[in-house]
Amino acid sequence: MAFGALAYVAAFSALMAVVSVMVALPIGVLVAWVLARGEFRGKAVVETWTNLTPAIWLALDGSWTQAHETYSARARLGYRVLPQLSIGFEEALLGNTSGDLARSGLFARYDWSGGEVALAAGVSGQRFDFKDTSTDRTWMALSVMFRF
Protein backbone atom coordinates (compact mmCIF):
# COMPACT_ATOMS: atom_id res chain seq x y z
CA MET A 1 0.00 0.00 0.00
CA ALA A 2 1.06 3.55 -0.68
CA PHE A 3 -0.19 6.24 1.65
CA GLY A 4 -0.69 9.92 1.05
CA ALA A 5 -1.81 12.64 3.40
CA LEU A 6 -2.74 16.27 3.01
CA ALA A 7 -3.36 18.59 5.94
CA TYR A 8 -4.39 22.22 6.15
CA VAL A 9 -4.09 24.28 9.32
CA ALA A 10 -5.92 27.59 9.62
CA ALA A 11 -5.97 30.02 12.52
CA PHE A 12 -8.60 32.74 12.83
CA SER A 13 -8.12 34.82 15.98
CA ALA A 14 -9.08 32.37 18.77
CA LEU A 15 -10.14 29.54 16.41
CA MET A 16 -7.71 26.94 15.11
CA ALA A 17 -8.83 24.34 12.57
CA VAL A 18 -7.01 21.35 11.10
CA VAL A 19 -8.43 19.50 8.11
CA SER A 20 -6.61 16.40 6.85
CA VAL A 21 -7.35 13.83 4.19
CA MET A 22 -5.50 10.51 3.95
CA VAL A 23 -5.56 8.05 1.07
CA ALA A 24 -4.21 4.49 0.82
CA LEU A 25 -3.72 2.92 -2.63
CA PRO A 26 -2.04 -0.34 -3.67
CA ILE A 27 1.45 0.39 -5.03
CA GLY A 28 1.87 0.15 -8.79
CA VAL A 29 -1.84 0.27 -9.59
CA LEU A 30 -3.43 3.01 -11.69
CA VAL A 31 -5.77 5.22 -9.70
CA ALA A 32 -8.63 4.78 -12.22
CA TRP A 33 -8.41 0.99 -11.93
CA VAL A 34 -8.33 1.21 -8.13
CA LEU A 35 -11.38 3.44 -8.03
CA ALA A 36 -13.27 1.21 -10.48
CA ARG A 37 -12.62 -1.87 -8.34
CA GLY A 38 -13.44 -0.11 -5.06
CA GLU A 39 -10.01 -0.68 -3.54
CA PHE A 40 -9.59 2.98 -2.66
CA ARG A 41 -9.30 3.60 1.08
CA GLY A 42 -9.68 7.07 2.48
CA LYS A 43 -10.02 8.98 5.72
CA ALA A 44 -11.03 12.55 6.45
CA VAL A 45 -10.40 14.33 9.75
CA VAL A 46 -11.45 17.77 11.01
CA GLU A 47 -10.18 19.13 14.33
CA THR A 48 -11.04 22.54 15.76
CA TRP A 49 -10.00 24.41 18.87
CA THR A 50 -11.26 27.76 20.11
CA ASN A 51 -10.53 29.75 23.24
CA LEU A 52 -13.88 31.02 24.50
CA THR A 53 -12.16 32.98 27.28
CA PRO A 54 -8.55 32.89 28.50
CA ALA A 55 -9.56 30.05 30.87
CA ILE A 56 -12.29 28.20 28.91
CA TRP A 57 -11.79 26.38 25.59
CA LEU A 58 -13.85 24.22 23.23
CA ALA A 59 -12.52 21.48 20.94
CA LEU A 60 -14.68 19.80 18.27
CA ASP A 61 -13.24 16.85 16.31
CA GLY A 62 -14.72 14.59 13.67
CA SER A 63 -13.48 11.83 11.39
CA TRP A 64 -14.78 9.41 8.78
CA THR A 65 -13.02 6.36 7.33
CA GLN A 66 -14.16 4.42 4.29
CA ALA A 67 -13.23 1.09 5.87
CA HIS A 68 -16.38 -0.19 7.61
CA GLU A 69 -17.92 3.30 7.20
CA THR A 70 -16.38 4.26 10.54
CA TYR A 71 -17.06 7.69 12.02
CA SER A 72 -16.43 9.60 15.22
CA ALA A 73 -17.35 13.01 16.58
CA ARG A 74 -16.10 14.44 19.87
CA ALA A 75 -16.67 17.65 21.80
CA ARG A 76 -14.57 18.76 24.75
CA LEU A 77 -15.27 21.77 26.94
CA GLY A 78 -12.27 22.51 29.11
CA TYR A 79 -11.36 24.83 31.95
CA ARG A 80 -7.73 25.76 32.65
CA VAL A 81 -7.21 25.33 36.39
CA LEU A 82 -3.53 26.12 35.76
CA PRO A 83 -1.99 27.51 32.55
CA GLN A 84 -0.97 23.98 31.46
CA LEU A 85 -3.62 21.87 33.22
CA SER A 86 -7.24 21.65 32.02
CA ILE A 87 -10.22 19.65 33.24
CA GLY A 88 -13.62 19.34 31.64
CA PHE A 89 -16.43 17.42 29.97
CA GLU A 90 -16.24 15.16 26.93
CA GLU A 91 -19.10 13.91 24.74
CA ALA A 92 -18.65 11.62 21.73
CA LEU A 93 -20.52 9.66 19.08
CA LEU A 94 -18.76 6.67 17.51
CA GLY A 95 -19.89 4.10 15.03
CA ASN A 96 -19.47 1.93 11.96
CA THR A 97 -21.46 -0.62 9.97
CA SER A 98 -21.69 -2.82 13.10
CA GLY A 99 -23.35 -0.25 15.37
CA ASP A 100 -23.29 3.13 17.05
CA LEU A 101 -22.21 4.24 20.52
CA ALA A 102 -22.52 7.43 22.53
CA ARG A 103 -20.14 8.20 25.36
CA SER A 104 -19.94 10.84 28.03
CA GLY A 105 -17.21 11.55 30.53
CA LEU A 106 -14.68 13.79 32.18
CA PHE A 107 -11.08 14.50 31.20
CA ALA A 108 -7.86 16.02 32.48
CA ARG A 109 -5.29 17.39 30.02
CA TYR A 110 -1.73 18.56 30.67
CA ASP A 111 0.14 20.31 27.86
CA TRP A 112 3.68 21.65 27.50
CA SER A 113 5.76 22.98 24.61
CA GLY A 114 6.73 19.43 23.57
CA GLY A 115 3.26 17.87 23.59
CA GLU A 116 0.34 16.88 25.75
CA VAL A 117 -1.09 14.01 27.74
CA ALA A 118 -4.82 13.52 28.43
CA LEU A 119 -6.74 11.07 30.57
CA ALA A 120 -10.49 10.67 30.03
CA ALA A 121 -13.07 8.33 31.56
CA GLY A 122 -16.82 7.92 31.61
CA VAL A 123 -19.73 5.76 30.47
CA SER A 124 -20.79 4.62 27.00
CA GLY A 125 -23.86 2.92 25.63
CA GLN A 126 -25.95 2.28 22.56
CA ARG A 127 -26.71 5.51 20.76
CA PHE A 128 -30.38 6.57 20.90
CA ASP A 129 -31.36 3.69 23.22
CA PHE A 130 -31.64 5.47 26.55
CA LYS A 131 -34.09 3.01 28.12
CA ASP A 132 -31.92 -0.09 27.68
CA THR A 133 -28.91 0.27 29.97
CA SER A 134 -27.78 -3.36 29.61
CA THR A 135 -25.12 -2.32 27.07
CA ASP A 136 -23.74 0.59 29.13
CA ARG A 137 -20.04 0.27 29.90
CA THR A 138 -17.37 2.36 31.52
CA TRP A 139 -14.43 3.51 29.40
CA MET A 140 -11.06 5.12 29.94
CA ALA A 141 -8.60 6.58 27.43
CA LEU A 142 -5.05 7.79 27.78
CA SER A 143 -3.60 9.80 24.92
CA VAL A 144 -0.09 11.16 24.49
CA MET A 145 0.97 13.51 21.70
CA PHE A 146 4.44 14.86 20.96
CA ARG A 147 5.14 18.00 18.93
CA PHE A 148 8.15 18.05 16.66
C-alpha atoms as a PDB file:
ATOM      1  CA  MET A   1       0.000   0.000   0.000  1.00  0.00           C
ATOM      2  CA  ALA A   2       1.057   3.553  -0.676  1.00  0.00           C
ATOM      3  CA  PHE A   3      -0.195   6.241   1.649  1.00  0.00           C
ATOM      4  CA  GLY A   4      -0.692   9.916   1.049  1.00  0.00           C
ATOM      5  CA  ALA A   5      -1.806  12.643   3.402  1.00  0.00           C
ATOM      6  CA  LEU A   6      -2.740  16.271   3.008  1.00  0.00           C
ATOM      7  CA  ALA A   7      -3.359  18.587   5.941  1.00  0.00           C
ATOM      8  CA  TYR A   8      -4.390  22.218   6.148  1.00  0.00           C
ATOM      9  CA  VAL A   9      -4.089  24.277   9.324  1.00  0.00           C
ATOM     10  CA  ALA A  10      -5.916  27.586   9.617  1.00  0.00           C
ATOM     11  CA  ALA A  11      -5.973  30.015  12.523  1.00  0.00           C
ATOM     12  CA  PHE A  12      -8.596  32.741  12.833  1.00  0.00           C
ATOM     13  CA  SER A  13      -8.118  34.819  15.979  1.00  0.00           C
ATOM     14  CA  ALA A  14      -9.082  32.371  18.768  1.00  0.00           C
ATOM     15  CA  LEU A  15     -10.145  29.541  16.415  1.00  0.00           C
ATOM     16  CA  MET A  16      -7.706  26.940  15.107  1.00  0.00           C
ATOM     17  CA  ALA A  17      -8.832  24.337  12.575  1.00  0.00           C
ATOM     18  CA  VAL A  18      -7.013  21.347  11.101  1.00  0.00           C
ATOM     19  CA  VAL A  19      -8.427  19.498   8.111  1.00  0.00           C
ATOM     20  CA  SER A  20      -6.610  16.403   6.851  1.00  0.00           C
ATOM     21  CA  VAL A  21      -7.347  13.827   4.194  1.00  0.00           C
ATOM     22  CA  MET A  22      -5.499  10.507   3.954  1.00  0.00           C
ATOM     23  CA  VAL A  23      -5.558   8.050   1.067  1.00  0.00           C
ATOM     24  CA  ALA A  24      -4.212   4.488   0.816  1.00  0.00           C
ATOM     25  CA  LEU A  25      -3.716   2.920  -2.631  1.00  0.00           C
ATOM     26  CA  PRO A  26      -2.040  -0.338  -3.671  1.00  0.00           C
ATOM     27  CA  ILE A  27       1.454   0.387  -5.033  1.00  0.00           C
ATOM     28  CA  GLY A  28       1.872   0.149  -8.793  1.00  0.00           C
ATOM     29  CA  VAL A  29      -1.836   0.270  -9.592  1.00  0.00           C
ATOM     30  CA  LEU A  30      -3.429   3.005 -11.688  1.00  0.00           C
ATOM     31  CA  VAL A  31      -5.769   5.218  -9.702  1.00  0.00           C
ATOM     32  CA  ALA A  32      -8.634   4.781 -12.220  1.00  0.00           C
ATOM     33  CA  TRP A  33      -8.414   0.985 -11.925  1.00  0.00           C
ATOM     34  CA  VAL A  34      -8.326   1.210  -8.131  1.00  0.00           C
ATOM     35  CA  LEU A  35     -11.384   3.438  -8.027  1.00  0.00           C
ATOM     36  CA  ALA A  36     -13.268   1.210 -10.477  1.00  0.00           C
ATOM     37  CA  ARG A  37     -12.624  -1.873  -8.336  1.00  0.00           C
ATOM     38  CA  GLY A  38     -13.443  -0.110  -5.065  1.00  0.00           C
ATOM     39  CA  GLU A  39     -10.009  -0.675  -3.539  1.00  0.00           C
ATOM     40  CA  PHE A  40      -9.593   2.983  -2.658  1.00  0.00           C
ATOM     41  CA  ARG A  41      -9.295   3.601   1.080  1.00  0.00           C
ATOM     42  CA  GLY A  42      -9.679   7.074   2.478  1.00  0.00           C
ATOM     43  CA  LYS A  43     -10.023   8.979   5.720  1.00  0.00           C
ATOM     44  CA  ALA A  44     -11.032  12.553   6.451  1.00  0.00           C
ATOM     45  CA  VAL A  45     -10.395  14.328   9.755  1.00  0.00           C
ATOM     46  CA  VAL A  46     -11.449  17.767  11.012  1.00  0.00           C
ATOM     47  CA  GLU A  47     -10.182  19.129  14.334  1.00  0.00           C
ATOM     48  CA  THR A  48     -11.038  22.544  15.762  1.00  0.00           C
ATOM     49  CA  TRP A  49     -10.005  24.412  18.874  1.00  0.00           C
ATOM     50  CA  THR A  50     -11.256  27.757  20.110  1.00  0.00           C
ATOM     51  CA  ASN A  51     -10.531  29.751  23.242  1.00  0.00           C
ATOM     52  CA  LEU A  52     -13.885  31.024  24.497  1.00  0.00           C
ATOM     53  CA  THR A  53     -12.162  32.985  27.281  1.00  0.00           C
ATOM     54  CA  PRO A  54      -8.550  32.890  28.503  1.00  0.00           C
ATOM     55  CA  ALA A  55      -9.559  30.053  30.870  1.00  0.00           C
ATOM     56  CA  ILE A  56     -12.290  28.202  28.915  1.00  0.00           C
ATOM     57  CA  TRP A  57     -11.794  26.379  25.592  1.00  0.00           C
ATOM     58  CA  LEU A  58     -13.849  24.220  23.233  1.00  0.00           C
ATOM     59  CA  ALA A  59     -12.521  21.481  20.941  1.00  0.00           C
ATOM     60  CA  LEU A  60     -14.680  19.804  18.267  1.00  0.00           C
ATOM     61  CA  ASP A  61     -13.243  16.853  16.314  1.00  0.00           C
ATOM     62  CA  GLY A  62     -14.716  14.586  13.671  1.00  0.00           C
ATOM     63  CA  SER A  63     -13.480  11.825  11.390  1.00  0.00           C
ATOM     64  CA  TRP A  64     -14.777   9.408   8.781  1.00  0.00           C
ATOM     65  CA  THR A  65     -13.019   6.359   7.327  1.00  0.00           C
ATOM     66  CA  GLN A  66     -14.158   4.419   4.293  1.00  0.00           C
ATOM     67  CA  ALA A  67     -13.228   1.088   5.865  1.00  0.00           C
ATOM     68  CA  HIS A  68     -16.377  -0.188   7.607  1.00  0.00           C
ATOM     69  CA  GLU A  69     -17.922   3.299   7.199  1.00  0.00           C
ATOM     70  CA  THR A  70     -16.383   4.260  10.544  1.00  0.00           C
ATOM     71  CA  TYR A  71     -17.063   7.692  12.017  1.00  0.00           C
ATOM     72  CA  SER A  72     -16.432   9.598  15.215  1.00  0.00           C
ATOM     73  CA  ALA A  73     -17.350  13.015  16.584  1.00  0.00           C
ATOM     74  CA  ARG A  74     -16.103  14.437  19.874  1.00  0.00           C
ATOM     75  CA  ALA A  75     -16.667  17.654  21.797  1.00  0.00           C
ATOM     76  CA  ARG A  76     -14.566  18.760  24.754  1.00  0.00           C
ATOM     77  CA  LEU A  77     -15.268  21.773  26.939  1.00  0.00           C
ATOM     78  CA  GLY A  78     -12.269  22.510  29.113  1.00  0.00           C
ATOM     79  CA  TYR A  79     -11.361  24.835  31.952  1.00  0.00           C
ATOM     80  CA  ARG A  80      -7.733  25.765  32.650  1.00  0.00           C
ATOM     81  CA  VAL A  81      -7.210  25.327  36.390  1.00  0.00           C
ATOM     82  CA  LEU A  82      -3.532  26.122  35.757  1.00  0.00           C
ATOM     83  CA  PRO A  83      -1.985  27.505  32.554  1.00  0.00           C
ATOM     84  CA  GLN A  84      -0.967  23.983  31.459  1.00  0.00           C
ATOM     85  CA  LEU A  85      -3.624  21.868  33.216  1.00  0.00           C
ATOM     86  CA  SER A  86      -7.240  21.650  32.024  1.00  0.00           C
ATOM     87  CA  ILE A  87     -10.221  19.647  33.241  1.00  0.00           C
ATOM     88  CA  GLY A  88     -13.624  19.339  31.645  1.00  0.00           C
ATOM     89  CA  PHE A  89     -16.427  17.422  29.972  1.00  0.00           C
ATOM     90  CA  GLU A  90     -16.242  15.157  26.928  1.00  0.00           C
ATOM     91  CA  GLU A  91     -19.099  13.905  24.745  1.00  0.00           C
ATOM     92  CA  ALA A  92     -18.645  11.622  21.725  1.00  0.00           C
ATOM     93  CA  LEU A  93     -20.520   9.660  19.077  1.00  0.00           C
ATOM     94  CA  LEU A  94     -18.757   6.666  17.515  1.00  0.00           C
ATOM     95  CA  GLY A  95     -19.885   4.099  15.032  1.00  0.00           C
ATOM     96  CA  ASN A  96     -19.473   1.934  11.962  1.00  0.00           C
ATOM     97  CA  THR A  97     -21.461  -0.615   9.971  1.00  0.00           C
ATOM     98  CA  SER A  98     -21.685  -2.818  13.102  1.00  0.00           C
ATOM     99  CA  GLY A  99     -23.353  -0.254  15.370  1.00  0.00           C
ATOM    100  CA  ASP A 100     -23.286   3.127  17.047  1.00  0.00           C
ATOM    101  CA  LEU A 101     -22.206   4.242  20.519  1.00  0.00           C
ATOM    102  CA  ALA A 102     -22.517   7.427  22.526  1.00  0.00           C
ATOM    103  CA  ARG A 103     -20.145   8.199  25.356  1.00  0.00           C
ATOM    104  CA  SER A 104     -19.941  10.838  28.028  1.00  0.00           C
ATOM    105  CA  GLY A 105     -17.213  11.551  30.526  1.00  0.00           C
ATOM    106  CA  LEU A 106     -14.676  13.789  32.182  1.00  0.00           C
ATOM    107  CA  PHE A 107     -11.083  14.502  31.198  1.00  0.00           C
ATOM    108  CA  ALA A 108      -7.863  16.020  32.483  1.00  0.00           C
ATOM    109  CA  ARG A 109      -5.286  17.390  30.021  1.00  0.00           C
ATOM    110  CA  TYR A 110      -1.730  18.562  30.665  1.00  0.00           C
ATOM    111  CA  ASP A 111       0.142  20.312  27.858  1.00  0.00           C
ATOM    112  CA  TRP A 112       3.682  21.648  27.497  1.00  0.00           C
ATOM    113  CA  SER A 113       5.762  22.984  24.611  1.00  0.00           C
ATOM    114  CA  GLY A 114       6.727  19.435  23.566  1.00  0.00           C
ATOM    115  CA  GLY A 115       3.262  17.869  23.587  1.00  0.00           C
ATOM    116  CA  GLU A 116       0.340  16.884  25.750  1.00  0.00           C
ATOM    117  CA  VAL A 117      -1.094  14.013  27.744  1.00  0.00           C
ATOM    118  CA  ALA A 118      -4.817  13.524  28.427  1.00  0.00           C
ATOM    119  CA  LEU A 119      -6.742  11.067  30.566  1.00  0.00           C
ATOM    120  CA  ALA A 120     -10.489  10.672  30.030  1.00  0.00           C
ATOM    121  CA  ALA A 121     -13.065   8.327  31.560  1.00  0.00           C
ATOM    122  CA  GLY A 122     -16.819   7.920  31.609  1.00  0.00           C
ATOM    123  CA  VAL A 123     -19.731   5.762  30.467  1.00  0.00           C
ATOM    124  CA  SER A 124     -20.787   4.616  26.998  1.00  0.00           C
ATOM    125  CA  GLY A 125     -23.861   2.921  25.627  1.00  0.00           C
ATOM    126  CA  GLN A 126     -25.950   2.281  22.556  1.00  0.00           C
ATOM    127  CA  ARG A 127     -26.710   5.512  20.758  1.00  0.00           C
ATOM    128  CA  PHE A 128     -30.383   6.570  20.899  1.00  0.00           C
ATOM    129  CA  ASP A 129     -31.358   3.688  23.221  1.00  0.00           C
ATOM    130  CA  PHE A 130     -31.639   5.474  26.551  1.00  0.00           C
ATOM    131  CA  LYS A 131     -34.095   3.009  28.119  1.00  0.00           C
ATOM    132  CA  ASP A 132     -31.925  -0.089  27.683  1.00  0.00           C
ATOM    133  CA  THR A 133     -28.906   0.272  29.971  1.00  0.00           C
ATOM    134  CA  SER A 134     -27.780  -3.364  29.613  1.00  0.00           C
ATOM    135  CA  THR A 135     -25.119  -2.321  27.072  1.00  0.00           C
ATOM    136  CA  ASP A 136     -23.740   0.587  29.129  1.00  0.00           C
ATOM    137  CA  ARG A 137     -20.043   0.268  29.895  1.00  0.00           C
ATOM    138  CA  THR A 138     -17.367   2.365  31.520  1.00  0.00           C
ATOM    139  CA  TRP A 139     -14.435   3.512  29.400  1.00  0.00           C
ATOM    140  CA  MET A 140     -11.060   5.124  29.938  1.00  0.00           C
ATOM    141  CA  ALA A 141      -8.601   6.579  27.432  1.00  0.00           C
ATOM    142  CA  LEU A 142      -5.046   7.792  27.779  1.00  0.00           C
ATOM    143  CA  SER A 143      -3.596   9.798  24.916  1.00  0.00           C
ATOM    144  CA  VAL A 144      -0.093  11.165  24.493  1.00  0.00           C
ATOM    145  CA  MET A 145       0.967  13.506  21.700  1.00  0.00           C
ATOM    146  CA  PHE A 146       4.444  14.862  20.964  1.00  0.00           C
ATOM    147  CA  ARG A 147       5.140  18.002  18.927  1.00  0.00           C
ATOM    148  CA  PHE A 148       8.147  18.055  16.661  1.00  0.00           C
END
